[in-house]
């Protein structure tokens, strides 16, 4: 065991004993294993396609994407409370085809490569499908089609973020 590690362990043991600190002794082995590991390798290169937006549109787009995440959270909360109409309304108004004007999609789309445009359009369409399926769940009690539509919506977000980055 190297000198720095012994000093650190001794200091930790003294501190722990002095303050009657409760801990899991098994963690000592885990900490020792971490200390023995070689330094972490450099992060892998970001291979996503860089997409340049004018500064104001970039900020606007990133704000919209954060709102999309917030909308997904609110949708999940509504589903958990079996508030299917509310979940559908959130989806349609903030993610669905009805939200395109709100987001200025026409203005932003001209800076996007076709694949990015396609992913965005698919996300908006799937969100509208989810909105209908969620409202149907309120009548049928079967939430599975709504969850599948929500997963398809989120899959488009994941695909776009995996393939593209704006700057």
N, C-alpha and C. Protein backbone atom coordinates (compact mmCIF):
# COMPACT_ATOMS: atom_id res chain seq x y z
N UNK A 1 0.86 -1.17 0.00
CA UNK A 1 0.00 0.00 0.00
C UNK A 1 0.91 1.23 0.00
N UNK A 2 0.62 2.19 -0.86
CA UNK A 2 1.52 3.35 -0.94
C UNK A 2 1.32 4.26 0.27
N UNK A 3 2.31 5.11 0.48
CA UNK A 3 2.35 5.96 1.68
C UNK A 3 1.15 6.90 1.76
N UNK A 4 0.78 7.55 0.66
CA UNK A 4 -0.35 8.49 0.67
C UNK A 4 -1.64 7.78 1.06
N UNK A 5 -1.83 6.59 0.53
CA UNK A 5 -3.05 5.84 0.84
C UNK A 5 -3.08 5.45 2.30
N UNK A 6 -1.92 5.01 2.86
CA UNK A 6 -1.86 4.64 4.28
C UNK A 6 -2.16 5.83 5.16
N UNK A 7 -1.61 6.99 4.83
CA UNK A 7 -1.86 8.20 5.62
C UNK A 7 -3.34 8.57 5.55
N UNK A 8 -3.91 8.52 4.36
CA UNK A 8 -5.32 8.87 4.19
C UNK A 8 -6.21 7.90 4.97
N UNK A 9 -5.90 6.61 4.90
CA UNK A 9 -6.70 5.63 5.64
C UNK A 9 -6.56 5.84 7.15
N UNK A 10 -5.35 6.09 7.60
CA UNK A 10 -5.13 6.31 9.03
C UNK A 10 -5.88 7.54 9.50
N UNK A 11 -5.82 8.62 8.72
CA UNK A 11 -6.54 9.84 9.08
C UNK A 11 -8.04 9.57 9.12
N UNK A 12 -8.52 8.83 8.15
CA UNK A 12 -9.95 8.50 8.12
C UNK A 12 -10.36 7.65 9.30
N UNK A 13 -9.54 6.69 9.66
CA UNK A 13 -9.86 5.83 10.81
C UNK A 13 -9.86 6.63 12.10
N UNK A 14 -8.90 7.54 12.26
CA UNK A 14 -8.86 8.37 13.46
C UNK A 14 -10.09 9.26 13.53
N UNK A 15 -10.42 9.89 12.41
CA UNK A 15 -11.59 10.76 12.38
C UNK A 15 -12.85 9.97 12.68
N UNK A 16 -12.96 8.81 12.07
CA UNK A 16 -14.16 7.97 12.26
C UNK A 16 -14.29 7.51 13.70
N UNK A 17 -13.18 7.11 14.33
CA UNK A 17 -13.22 6.65 15.71
C UNK A 17 -13.55 7.81 16.63
N UNK A 18 -12.95 8.95 16.41
CA UNK A 18 -13.16 10.11 17.27
C UNK A 18 -14.61 10.57 17.26
N UNK A 19 -15.27 10.42 16.16
CA UNK A 19 -16.66 10.90 16.05
C UNK A 19 -17.67 9.77 16.05
N UNK A 20 -17.25 8.58 16.42
CA UNK A 20 -18.13 7.41 16.48
C UNK A 20 -18.95 7.28 15.21
N UNK A 21 -18.30 7.45 14.10
CA UNK A 21 -18.95 7.39 12.80
C UNK A 21 -19.29 5.95 12.46
N UNK A 22 -20.51 5.72 12.02
CA UNK A 22 -20.92 4.38 11.60
C UNK A 22 -20.67 4.26 10.12
N UNK A 23 -20.07 3.15 9.74
CA UNK A 23 -19.78 2.93 8.33
C UNK A 23 -19.76 1.44 8.04
N UNK A 24 -19.74 1.14 6.76
CA UNK A 24 -19.71 -0.24 6.31
C UNK A 24 -18.25 -0.63 6.05
N UNK A 25 -17.68 -1.53 6.85
CA UNK A 25 -16.28 -1.92 6.65
C UNK A 25 -16.01 -2.47 5.25
N UNK A 26 -17.00 -3.02 4.61
CA UNK A 26 -16.80 -3.56 3.26
C UNK A 26 -16.43 -2.46 2.27
N UNK A 27 -16.77 -1.23 2.60
CA UNK A 27 -16.45 -0.11 1.72
C UNK A 27 -14.94 0.11 1.63
N UNK A 28 -14.18 -0.32 2.65
CA UNK A 28 -12.73 -0.15 2.61
C UNK A 28 -12.14 -0.86 1.40
N UNK A 29 -12.60 -2.06 1.16
CA UNK A 29 -12.10 -2.83 0.02
C UNK A 29 -12.46 -2.13 -1.30
N UNK A 30 -13.65 -1.58 -1.36
CA UNK A 30 -14.09 -0.89 -2.56
C UNK A 30 -13.22 0.35 -2.80
N UNK A 31 -12.93 1.10 -1.74
CA UNK A 31 -12.09 2.29 -1.88
C UNK A 31 -10.67 1.90 -2.28
N UNK A 32 -10.14 0.82 -1.72
CA UNK A 32 -8.80 0.37 -2.08
C UNK A 32 -8.75 -0.06 -3.54
N UNK A 33 -9.80 -0.73 -4.00
CA UNK A 33 -9.85 -1.17 -5.40
C UNK A 33 -9.88 0.05 -6.33
N UNK A 34 -10.63 1.08 -5.96
CA UNK A 34 -10.70 2.30 -6.76
C UNK A 34 -9.33 2.96 -6.83
N UNK A 35 -8.61 3.01 -5.70
CA UNK A 35 -7.31 3.65 -5.67
C UNK A 35 -6.30 2.89 -6.51
N UNK A 36 -6.46 1.59 -6.66
CA UNK A 36 -5.52 0.76 -7.40
C UNK A 36 -5.75 0.82 -8.91
N UNK A 37 -6.89 1.30 -9.35
CA UNK A 37 -7.21 1.35 -10.78
C UNK A 37 -6.33 2.39 -11.47
N UNK A 38 -5.94 2.12 -12.72
CA UNK A 38 -5.16 3.12 -13.46
C UNK A 38 -6.05 4.34 -13.76
N UNK A 39 -5.41 5.44 -14.08
CA UNK A 39 -6.14 6.67 -14.37
C UNK A 39 -7.13 6.41 -15.52
N UNK A 40 -8.26 7.08 -15.43
CA UNK A 40 -9.31 6.91 -16.44
C UNK A 40 -8.81 7.37 -17.81
N UNK A 41 -9.26 6.67 -18.84
CA UNK A 41 -8.90 7.03 -20.20
C UNK A 41 -9.66 8.29 -20.60
N UNK A 42 -9.16 8.94 -21.61
CA UNK A 42 -9.82 10.14 -22.12
C UNK A 42 -11.22 9.77 -22.61
N UNK A 43 -12.12 10.72 -22.49
CA UNK A 43 -13.49 10.50 -22.94
C UNK A 43 -13.49 10.21 -24.44
N UNK A 44 -14.41 9.34 -24.88
CA UNK A 44 -14.46 9.04 -26.31
C UNK A 44 -14.82 10.29 -27.11
N UNK A 45 -14.35 10.33 -28.35
CA UNK A 45 -14.60 11.47 -29.22
C UNK A 45 -16.10 11.57 -29.51
N UNK A 46 -16.61 12.78 -29.49
CA UNK A 46 -18.01 13.04 -29.81
C UNK A 46 -18.18 12.93 -31.32
N UNK A 47 -18.88 11.90 -31.76
CA UNK A 47 -19.03 11.65 -33.19
C UNK A 47 -20.36 12.18 -33.74
N UNK A 48 -21.12 12.88 -32.93
CA UNK A 48 -22.39 13.42 -33.43
C UNK A 48 -22.11 14.50 -34.47
N UNK A 49 -23.03 14.64 -35.41
CA UNK A 49 -22.89 15.67 -36.43
C UNK A 49 -23.17 17.02 -35.80
N UNK A 50 -22.23 17.94 -35.97
CA UNK A 50 -22.40 19.30 -35.45
C UNK A 50 -23.28 20.09 -36.41
N UNK A 51 -24.28 20.76 -35.85
CA UNK A 51 -25.22 21.54 -36.65
C UNK A 51 -25.17 22.98 -36.15
N UNK A 52 -24.78 23.87 -37.05
CA UNK A 52 -24.62 25.29 -36.66
C UNK A 52 -25.95 26.03 -36.81
N UNK A 53 -26.35 26.66 -35.72
CA UNK A 53 -27.54 27.51 -35.71
C UNK A 53 -27.09 28.94 -35.40
N UNK A 54 -27.80 29.94 -35.92
CA UNK A 54 -27.53 31.31 -35.45
C UNK A 54 -27.75 31.35 -33.93
N UNK A 55 -26.98 32.19 -33.26
CA UNK A 55 -26.98 32.21 -31.79
C UNK A 55 -28.38 32.29 -31.19
N UNK A 56 -29.22 33.20 -31.66
CA UNK A 56 -30.56 33.34 -31.06
C UNK A 56 -31.41 32.09 -31.29
N UNK A 57 -31.29 31.48 -32.47
CA UNK A 57 -32.05 30.26 -32.74
C UNK A 57 -31.51 29.08 -31.93
N UNK A 58 -30.20 29.07 -31.72
CA UNK A 58 -29.60 28.01 -30.89
C UNK A 58 -30.16 28.10 -29.48
N UNK A 59 -30.14 29.29 -28.91
CA UNK A 59 -30.66 29.47 -27.55
C UNK A 59 -32.14 29.13 -27.48
N UNK A 60 -32.89 29.56 -28.49
CA UNK A 60 -34.32 29.28 -28.55
C UNK A 60 -34.56 27.76 -28.64
N UNK A 61 -33.78 27.08 -29.49
CA UNK A 61 -33.93 25.64 -29.67
C UNK A 61 -33.58 24.88 -28.39
N UNK A 62 -32.49 25.26 -27.75
CA UNK A 62 -32.12 24.59 -26.50
C UNK A 62 -33.16 24.82 -25.41
N UNK A 63 -33.74 26.01 -25.36
CA UNK A 63 -34.82 26.28 -24.42
C UNK A 63 -36.02 25.39 -24.71
N UNK A 64 -36.35 25.23 -26.01
CA UNK A 64 -37.46 24.35 -26.39
C UNK A 64 -37.18 22.91 -25.99
N UNK A 65 -35.96 22.46 -26.18
CA UNK A 65 -35.63 21.08 -25.82
C UNK A 65 -35.75 20.86 -24.31
N UNK A 66 -35.34 21.84 -23.54
CA UNK A 66 -35.51 21.71 -22.08
C UNK A 66 -36.99 21.67 -21.73
N UNK A 67 -37.81 22.45 -22.45
CA UNK A 67 -39.25 22.39 -22.21
C UNK A 67 -39.81 21.03 -22.63
N UNK A 68 -39.26 20.45 -23.68
CA UNK A 68 -39.70 19.10 -24.07
C UNK A 68 -39.44 18.11 -22.94
N UNK A 69 -38.27 18.20 -22.32
CA UNK A 69 -37.97 17.32 -21.18
C UNK A 69 -38.94 17.56 -20.04
N UNK A 70 -39.23 18.82 -19.75
CA UNK A 70 -40.17 19.15 -18.69
C UNK A 70 -41.56 18.61 -19.04
N UNK A 71 -41.96 18.73 -20.29
CA UNK A 71 -43.26 18.20 -20.71
C UNK A 71 -43.31 16.69 -20.52
N UNK A 72 -42.23 15.99 -20.86
CA UNK A 72 -42.19 14.54 -20.66
C UNK A 72 -42.34 14.18 -19.18
N UNK A 73 -41.69 14.95 -18.32
CA UNK A 73 -41.83 14.72 -16.88
C UNK A 73 -43.28 14.95 -16.44
N UNK A 74 -43.88 16.02 -16.90
CA UNK A 74 -45.27 16.33 -16.52
C UNK A 74 -46.23 15.28 -17.06
N UNK A 75 -45.96 14.77 -18.24
CA UNK A 75 -46.78 13.70 -18.82
C UNK A 75 -46.70 12.46 -17.94
N UNK A 76 -45.50 12.08 -17.55
CA UNK A 76 -45.32 10.90 -16.70
C UNK A 76 -46.03 11.08 -15.35
N UNK A 77 -45.95 12.27 -14.79
CA UNK A 77 -46.66 12.53 -13.53
C UNK A 77 -48.17 12.38 -13.71
N UNK A 78 -48.69 12.92 -14.81
CA UNK A 78 -50.12 12.81 -15.08
C UNK A 78 -50.53 11.35 -15.28
N UNK A 79 -49.72 10.59 -16.00
CA UNK A 79 -50.03 9.17 -16.19
C UNK A 79 -50.03 8.43 -14.86
N UNK A 80 -49.07 8.75 -14.01
CA UNK A 80 -49.00 8.09 -12.70
C UNK A 80 -50.25 8.36 -11.86
N UNK A 81 -50.85 9.51 -12.08
CA UNK A 81 -52.08 9.89 -11.36
C UNK A 81 -53.35 9.48 -12.12
N UNK A 82 -53.16 8.76 -13.22
CA UNK A 82 -54.24 8.34 -14.11
C UNK A 82 -55.03 9.53 -14.66
N UNK A 83 -54.33 10.62 -14.87
CA UNK A 83 -54.92 11.83 -15.46
C UNK A 83 -54.60 11.81 -16.96
N UNK A 84 -55.26 10.91 -17.67
CA UNK A 84 -54.93 10.64 -19.06
C UNK A 84 -55.24 11.81 -19.99
N UNK A 85 -56.34 12.51 -19.76
CA UNK A 85 -56.65 13.67 -20.60
C UNK A 85 -55.60 14.76 -20.41
N UNK A 86 -55.19 14.97 -19.17
CA UNK A 86 -54.16 15.98 -18.90
C UNK A 86 -52.85 15.61 -19.59
N UNK A 87 -52.46 14.35 -19.51
CA UNK A 87 -51.23 13.90 -20.16
C UNK A 87 -51.31 14.14 -21.67
N UNK A 88 -52.47 13.83 -22.24
CA UNK A 88 -52.66 14.04 -23.67
C UNK A 88 -52.60 15.52 -24.05
N UNK A 89 -53.20 16.36 -23.23
CA UNK A 89 -53.18 17.80 -23.51
C UNK A 89 -51.75 18.36 -23.46
N UNK A 90 -50.99 17.95 -22.45
CA UNK A 90 -49.60 18.41 -22.34
C UNK A 90 -48.83 17.98 -23.59
N UNK A 91 -49.01 16.73 -23.98
CA UNK A 91 -48.28 16.21 -25.13
C UNK A 91 -48.62 16.98 -26.41
N UNK A 92 -49.89 17.18 -26.65
CA UNK A 92 -50.28 17.84 -27.89
C UNK A 92 -49.86 19.30 -27.92
N UNK A 93 -50.05 20.00 -26.81
CA UNK A 93 -49.76 21.43 -26.78
C UNK A 93 -48.26 21.74 -26.78
N UNK A 94 -47.44 20.88 -26.17
CA UNK A 94 -46.03 21.20 -26.00
C UNK A 94 -45.08 20.36 -26.84
N UNK A 95 -45.57 19.20 -27.33
CA UNK A 95 -44.71 18.31 -28.12
C UNK A 95 -45.32 17.94 -29.47
N UNK A 96 -46.62 17.91 -29.54
CA UNK A 96 -47.31 17.39 -30.72
C UNK A 96 -47.29 18.33 -31.90
N UNK A 97 -47.98 17.94 -32.94
CA UNK A 97 -48.03 18.72 -34.17
C UNK A 97 -48.59 20.12 -33.92
N UNK A 98 -49.46 20.27 -32.92
CA UNK A 98 -50.02 21.58 -32.61
C UNK A 98 -48.99 22.53 -32.01
N UNK A 99 -47.86 22.01 -31.58
CA UNK A 99 -46.84 22.85 -30.93
C UNK A 99 -45.84 23.46 -31.91
N UNK A 100 -45.91 23.08 -33.18
CA UNK A 100 -44.89 23.52 -34.14
C UNK A 100 -44.77 25.04 -34.25
N UNK A 101 -45.89 25.73 -34.28
CA UNK A 101 -45.84 27.19 -34.37
C UNK A 101 -45.24 27.79 -33.10
N UNK A 102 -45.60 27.23 -31.96
CA UNK A 102 -45.08 27.70 -30.67
C UNK A 102 -43.55 27.63 -30.64
N UNK A 103 -43.00 26.58 -31.23
CA UNK A 103 -41.56 26.36 -31.21
C UNK A 103 -40.82 27.04 -32.36
N UNK A 104 -41.55 27.64 -33.28
CA UNK A 104 -40.89 28.25 -34.43
C UNK A 104 -40.19 27.22 -35.29
N UNK A 105 -40.82 26.06 -35.40
CA UNK A 105 -40.19 24.92 -36.10
C UNK A 105 -39.82 25.26 -37.54
N UNK A 106 -40.64 26.02 -38.22
CA UNK A 106 -40.37 26.35 -39.62
C UNK A 106 -39.06 27.13 -39.75
N UNK A 107 -38.83 28.06 -38.86
CA UNK A 107 -37.62 28.88 -38.89
C UNK A 107 -36.38 28.06 -38.57
N UNK A 108 -36.48 27.18 -37.60
CA UNK A 108 -35.33 26.38 -37.16
C UNK A 108 -35.01 25.27 -38.16
N UNK A 109 -36.03 24.70 -38.77
CA UNK A 109 -35.84 23.54 -39.65
C UNK A 109 -34.88 23.82 -40.80
N UNK A 110 -34.83 25.03 -41.28
CA UNK A 110 -33.97 25.31 -42.43
C UNK A 110 -32.48 25.21 -42.10
N UNK A 111 -32.13 25.15 -40.82
CA UNK A 111 -30.73 24.98 -40.42
C UNK A 111 -30.39 23.52 -40.10
N UNK A 112 -31.40 22.67 -40.13
CA UNK A 112 -31.21 21.26 -39.76
C UNK A 112 -30.94 20.38 -40.96
N UNK A 113 -30.03 19.42 -40.82
CA UNK A 113 -29.89 18.42 -41.88
C UNK A 113 -31.17 17.57 -41.95
N UNK A 114 -31.38 16.92 -43.07
CA UNK A 114 -32.63 16.17 -43.28
C UNK A 114 -32.90 15.14 -42.17
N UNK A 115 -31.89 14.40 -41.74
CA UNK A 115 -32.09 13.41 -40.69
C UNK A 115 -32.58 14.02 -39.39
N UNK A 116 -32.06 15.19 -39.09
CA UNK A 116 -32.49 15.89 -37.87
C UNK A 116 -33.94 16.37 -38.03
N UNK A 117 -34.25 16.90 -39.21
CA UNK A 117 -35.63 17.32 -39.49
C UNK A 117 -36.58 16.13 -39.37
N UNK A 118 -36.18 15.00 -39.95
CA UNK A 118 -37.03 13.81 -39.92
C UNK A 118 -37.27 13.33 -38.49
N UNK A 119 -36.23 13.34 -37.67
CA UNK A 119 -36.38 12.92 -36.27
C UNK A 119 -37.32 13.87 -35.53
N UNK A 120 -37.18 15.16 -35.77
CA UNK A 120 -38.06 16.14 -35.13
C UNK A 120 -39.51 15.96 -35.55
N UNK A 121 -39.72 15.78 -36.85
CA UNK A 121 -41.09 15.58 -37.34
C UNK A 121 -41.69 14.31 -36.76
N UNK A 122 -40.90 13.25 -36.72
CA UNK A 122 -41.39 11.98 -36.14
C UNK A 122 -41.71 12.15 -34.66
N UNK A 123 -40.88 12.90 -33.94
CA UNK A 123 -41.17 13.13 -32.52
C UNK A 123 -42.50 13.85 -32.36
N UNK A 124 -42.72 14.92 -33.14
CA UNK A 124 -43.97 15.67 -33.04
C UNK A 124 -45.18 14.81 -33.42
N UNK A 125 -45.04 14.01 -34.46
CA UNK A 125 -46.16 13.13 -34.87
C UNK A 125 -46.44 12.07 -33.80
N UNK A 126 -45.38 11.47 -33.27
CA UNK A 126 -45.57 10.46 -32.22
C UNK A 126 -46.19 11.07 -30.96
N UNK A 127 -45.83 12.30 -30.66
CA UNK A 127 -46.42 12.97 -29.49
C UNK A 127 -47.92 13.18 -29.71
N UNK A 128 -48.31 13.53 -30.93
CA UNK A 128 -49.75 13.67 -31.22
C UNK A 128 -50.46 12.33 -31.14
N UNK A 129 -49.80 11.28 -31.60
CA UNK A 129 -50.38 9.93 -31.47
C UNK A 129 -50.53 9.55 -30.00
N UNK A 130 -49.51 9.89 -29.22
CA UNK A 130 -49.59 9.63 -27.78
C UNK A 130 -50.79 10.37 -27.18
N UNK A 131 -50.97 11.63 -27.56
CA UNK A 131 -52.07 12.42 -27.00
C UNK A 131 -53.41 11.71 -27.21
N UNK A 132 -53.62 11.17 -28.40
CA UNK A 132 -54.86 10.45 -28.69
C UNK A 132 -54.93 9.16 -27.87
N UNK A 133 -53.83 8.41 -27.85
CA UNK A 133 -53.80 7.14 -27.11
C UNK A 133 -53.99 7.35 -25.62
N UNK A 134 -53.46 8.45 -25.10
CA UNK A 134 -53.62 8.74 -23.67
C UNK A 134 -55.08 9.05 -23.35
N UNK A 135 -55.71 9.83 -24.19
CA UNK A 135 -57.13 10.14 -23.97
C UNK A 135 -57.98 8.88 -24.12
N UNK A 136 -57.62 8.01 -25.05
CA UNK A 136 -58.31 6.72 -25.20
C UNK A 136 -58.18 5.89 -23.92
N UNK A 137 -57.01 5.95 -23.29
CA UNK A 137 -56.79 5.18 -22.06
C UNK A 137 -57.76 5.60 -20.96
N UNK A 138 -58.14 6.85 -20.97
CA UNK A 138 -59.14 7.31 -20.00
C UNK A 138 -60.48 6.63 -20.18
N UNK A 139 -60.79 6.28 -21.42
CA UNK A 139 -62.07 5.61 -21.71
C UNK A 139 -61.96 4.10 -21.57
N UNK A 140 -60.84 3.54 -22.00
CA UNK A 140 -60.72 2.07 -22.04
C UNK A 140 -60.07 1.50 -20.78
N UNK A 141 -59.29 2.33 -20.09
CA UNK A 141 -58.55 1.83 -18.92
C UNK A 141 -57.26 1.12 -19.32
N UNK A 142 -56.99 0.98 -20.61
CA UNK A 142 -55.77 0.32 -21.09
C UNK A 142 -54.74 1.37 -21.44
N UNK A 143 -53.74 1.52 -20.60
CA UNK A 143 -52.71 2.54 -20.79
C UNK A 143 -51.56 2.06 -21.68
N UNK A 144 -51.53 0.77 -21.99
CA UNK A 144 -50.40 0.23 -22.76
C UNK A 144 -50.19 0.90 -24.11
N UNK A 145 -51.22 1.14 -24.92
CA UNK A 145 -50.97 1.84 -26.20
C UNK A 145 -50.40 3.25 -25.99
N UNK A 146 -50.83 3.92 -24.94
CA UNK A 146 -50.31 5.26 -24.66
C UNK A 146 -48.84 5.18 -24.26
N UNK A 147 -48.49 4.21 -23.45
CA UNK A 147 -47.09 4.05 -23.04
C UNK A 147 -46.20 3.71 -24.24
N UNK A 148 -46.72 2.88 -25.15
CA UNK A 148 -45.95 2.55 -26.35
C UNK A 148 -45.75 3.80 -27.21
N UNK A 149 -46.77 4.62 -27.34
CA UNK A 149 -46.66 5.86 -28.12
C UNK A 149 -45.70 6.84 -27.45
N UNK A 150 -45.72 6.88 -26.13
CA UNK A 150 -44.80 7.76 -25.40
C UNK A 150 -43.36 7.27 -25.60
N UNK A 151 -43.15 5.96 -25.57
CA UNK A 151 -41.82 5.40 -25.80
C UNK A 151 -41.34 5.74 -27.22
N UNK A 152 -42.22 5.69 -28.20
CA UNK A 152 -41.85 6.04 -29.57
C UNK A 152 -41.48 7.52 -29.68
N UNK A 153 -42.19 8.34 -28.94
CA UNK A 153 -41.89 9.78 -28.92
C UNK A 153 -40.49 10.00 -28.34
N UNK A 154 -40.24 9.41 -27.20
CA UNK A 154 -38.95 9.58 -26.53
C UNK A 154 -37.82 8.99 -27.36
N UNK A 155 -38.08 7.90 -28.07
CA UNK A 155 -37.06 7.28 -28.92
C UNK A 155 -36.56 8.25 -29.98
N UNK A 156 -37.44 9.10 -30.48
CA UNK A 156 -37.03 10.10 -31.48
C UNK A 156 -36.11 11.14 -30.84
N UNK A 157 -36.40 11.52 -29.61
CA UNK A 157 -35.53 12.46 -28.89
C UNK A 157 -34.14 11.85 -28.73
N UNK A 158 -34.11 10.60 -28.29
CA UNK A 158 -32.84 9.90 -28.06
C UNK A 158 -32.06 9.80 -29.36
N UNK A 159 -32.72 9.43 -30.44
CA UNK A 159 -32.04 9.27 -31.73
C UNK A 159 -31.45 10.60 -32.20
N UNK A 160 -32.20 11.67 -32.06
CA UNK A 160 -31.73 12.96 -32.52
C UNK A 160 -30.53 13.42 -31.68
N UNK A 161 -30.63 13.31 -30.37
CA UNK A 161 -29.54 13.73 -29.50
C UNK A 161 -28.31 12.84 -29.66
N UNK A 162 -28.50 11.60 -30.04
CA UNK A 162 -27.37 10.70 -30.27
C UNK A 162 -26.66 11.03 -31.59
N UNK A 163 -27.37 11.59 -32.53
CA UNK A 163 -26.81 11.83 -33.84
C UNK A 163 -26.35 13.26 -34.12
N UNK A 164 -26.90 14.21 -33.36
CA UNK A 164 -26.66 15.62 -33.68
C UNK A 164 -26.37 16.42 -32.42
N UNK A 165 -25.62 17.51 -32.61
CA UNK A 165 -25.42 18.49 -31.54
C UNK A 165 -25.44 19.86 -32.19
N UNK A 166 -26.07 20.80 -31.53
CA UNK A 166 -26.13 22.15 -32.08
C UNK A 166 -25.04 23.00 -31.46
N UNK A 167 -24.56 23.94 -32.27
CA UNK A 167 -23.55 24.88 -31.75
C UNK A 167 -23.75 26.22 -32.39
